[in-house]
C-alpha atoms as a PDB file:
ATOM      1  CA  UNK A   1      24.101  40.452 -16.368  1.00  0.00           C
ATOM      2  CA  UNK A   2      21.364  39.320 -18.727  1.00  0.00           C
ATOM      3  CA  UNK A   3      20.427  41.579 -21.617  1.00  0.00           C
ATOM      4  CA  UNK A   4      17.711  39.439 -23.204  1.00  0.00           C
ATOM      5  CA  UNK A   5      15.096  42.066 -22.343  1.00  0.00           C
ATOM      6  CA  UNK A   6      16.934  44.664 -24.446  1.00  0.00           C
ATOM      7  CA  UNK A   7      17.208  42.275 -27.390  1.00  0.00           C
ATOM      8  CA  UNK A   8      13.494  41.441 -27.206  1.00  0.00           C
ATOM      9  CA  UNK A   9      12.594  45.129 -27.232  1.00  0.00           C
ATOM     10  CA  UNK A  10      14.983  45.739 -30.141  1.00  0.00           C
ATOM     11  CA  UNK A  11      13.472  42.825 -32.080  1.00  0.00           C
ATOM     12  CA  UNK A  12       9.930  44.069 -31.507  1.00  0.00           C
ATOM     13  CA  UNK A  13      10.923  47.563 -32.591  1.00  0.00           C
ATOM     14  CA  UNK A  14      12.785  46.279 -35.670  1.00  0.00           C
ATOM     15  CA  UNK A  15       9.624  44.483 -36.749  1.00  0.00           C
ATOM     16  CA  UNK A  16       7.514  47.609 -36.211  1.00  0.00           C
ATOM     17  CA  UNK A  17       5.301  45.958 -33.600  1.00  0.00           C
ATOM     18  CA  UNK A  18       3.793  47.727 -30.622  1.00  0.00           C
ATOM     19  CA  UNK A  19       3.809  45.972 -27.266  1.00  0.00           C
ATOM     20  CA  UNK A  20       0.088  45.386 -27.645  1.00  0.00           C
ATOM     21  CA  UNK A  21       0.522  43.849 -31.115  1.00  0.00           C
ATOM     22  CA  UNK A  22       3.298  41.529 -29.936  1.00  0.00           C
ATOM     23  CA  UNK A  23       1.224  40.526 -26.919  1.00  0.00           C
ATOM     24  CA  UNK A  24      -1.783  39.667 -29.083  1.00  0.00           C
ATOM     25  CA  UNK A  25       0.306  37.690 -31.582  1.00  0.00           C
ATOM     26  CA  UNK A  26       2.022  35.758 -28.787  1.00  0.00           C
ATOM     27  CA  UNK A  27      -1.149  35.175 -26.771  1.00  0.00           C
ATOM     28  CA  UNK A  28       0.196  37.183 -23.835  1.00  0.00           C
ATOM     29  CA  UNK A  29      -0.872  40.314 -21.991  1.00  0.00           C
ATOM     30  CA  UNK A  30       0.503  43.796 -22.724  1.00  0.00           C
ATOM     31  CA  UNK A  31       1.757  43.849 -19.152  1.00  0.00           C
ATOM     32  CA  UNK A  32       3.762  40.648 -19.700  1.00  0.00           C
ATOM     33  CA  UNK A  33       5.559  42.200 -22.683  1.00  0.00           C
ATOM     34  CA  UNK A  34       6.198  45.360 -20.656  1.00  0.00           C
ATOM     35  CA  UNK A  35       7.587  43.287 -17.772  1.00  0.00           C
ATOM     36  CA  UNK A  36       9.870  41.346 -20.127  1.00  0.00           C
ATOM     37  CA  UNK A  37      11.210  44.471 -21.822  1.00  0.00           C
ATOM     38  CA  UNK A  38      11.822  46.322 -18.569  1.00  0.00           C
ATOM     39  CA  UNK A  39      13.353  43.262 -16.894  1.00  0.00           C
ATOM     40  CA  UNK A  40      10.730  43.379 -14.134  1.00  0.00           C
ATOM     41  CA  UNK A  41       9.993  39.688 -13.778  1.00  0.00           C
ATOM     42  CA  UNK A  42      11.633  36.340 -14.274  1.00  0.00           C
ATOM     43  CA  UNK A  43      10.649  35.184 -17.773  1.00  0.00           C
ATOM     44  CA  UNK A  44       9.182  31.700 -17.988  1.00  0.00           C
ATOM     45  CA  UNK A  45      10.566  29.573 -20.797  1.00  0.00           C
ATOM     46  CA  UNK A  46       7.065  29.062 -22.208  1.00  0.00           C
ATOM     47  CA  UNK A  47       6.540  32.831 -22.353  1.00  0.00           C
ATOM     48  CA  UNK A  48       9.870  33.409 -24.074  1.00  0.00           C
ATOM     49  CA  UNK A  49       9.113  30.668 -26.600  1.00  0.00           C
ATOM     50  CA  UNK A  50       5.815  32.359 -27.510  1.00  0.00           C
ATOM     51  CA  UNK A  51       7.630  35.625 -28.172  1.00  0.00           C
ATOM     52  CA  UNK A  52      10.396  33.881 -30.129  1.00  0.00           C
ATOM     53  CA  UNK A  53       7.780  32.105 -32.269  1.00  0.00           C
ATOM     54  CA  UNK A  54       6.252  35.451 -33.291  1.00  0.00           C
ATOM     55  CA  UNK A  55       9.684  36.788 -34.230  1.00  0.00           C
ATOM     56  CA  UNK A  56      10.607  33.612 -36.137  1.00  0.00           C
ATOM     57  CA  UNK A  57       7.381  33.765 -38.159  1.00  0.00           C
ATOM     58  CA  UNK A  58       8.539  37.210 -39.300  1.00  0.00           C
ATOM     59  CA  UNK A  59      12.077  36.131 -40.218  1.00  0.00           C
ATOM     60  CA  UNK A  60      13.841  37.232 -37.064  1.00  0.00           C
ATOM     61  CA  UNK A  61      15.704  34.839 -34.810  1.00  0.00           C
ATOM     62  CA  UNK A  62      16.897  35.562 -31.289  1.00  0.00           C
ATOM     63  CA  UNK A  63      20.378  34.159 -30.815  1.00  0.00           C
ATOM     64  CA  UNK A  64      21.314  33.292 -27.245  1.00  0.00           C
ATOM     65  CA  UNK A  65      24.694  34.096 -25.810  1.00  0.00           C
ATOM     66  CA  UNK A  66      27.307  31.373 -25.879  1.00  0.00           C
ATOM     67  CA  UNK A  67      29.457  32.432 -22.932  1.00  0.00           C
ATOM     68  CA  UNK A  68      31.741  34.563 -25.078  1.00  0.00           C
ATOM     69  CA  UNK A  69      29.102  36.583 -26.874  1.00  0.00           C
ATOM     70  CA  UNK A  70      25.809  37.934 -25.611  1.00  0.00           C
ATOM     71  CA  UNK A  71      22.329  37.686 -27.061  1.00  0.00           C
ATOM     72  CA  UNK A  72      21.712  39.012 -30.558  1.00  0.00           C
ATOM     73  CA  UNK A  73      19.355  39.162 -33.527  1.00  0.00           C
ATOM     74  CA  UNK A  74      19.614  37.327 -36.809  1.00  0.00           C
ATOM     75  CA  UNK A  75      17.493  38.329 -39.793  1.00  0.00           C
ATOM     76  CA  UNK A  76      16.776  35.355 -42.023  1.00  0.00           C
ATOM     77  CA  UNK A  77      16.863  35.968 -45.763  1.00  0.00           C
ATOM     78  CA  UNK A  78      13.769  35.115 -47.778  1.00  0.00           C
ATOM     79  CA  UNK A  79      15.941  34.457 -50.810  1.00  0.00           C
ATOM     80  CA  UNK A  80      17.152  30.962 -51.674  1.00  0.00           C
ATOM     81  CA  UNK A  81      20.922  30.622 -51.868  1.00  0.00           C
END
């Protein structure tokens, strides 16, 4: 069972973005974001990449499952090590 839709919604919420804001930043429709988050439609890779780009620009990376673990979020630090 895929849970990517829940992770995308969590990421959007963590960044304080509305569906409309995420849609505008990603160049997608509000309805597309709604469909992704409610697991209504198959998500095209191009669409997912647009959403991931918006998150990455804000320091948040979506981490895909590896067979043992599911999808997750990774907040990148702005500080140099």
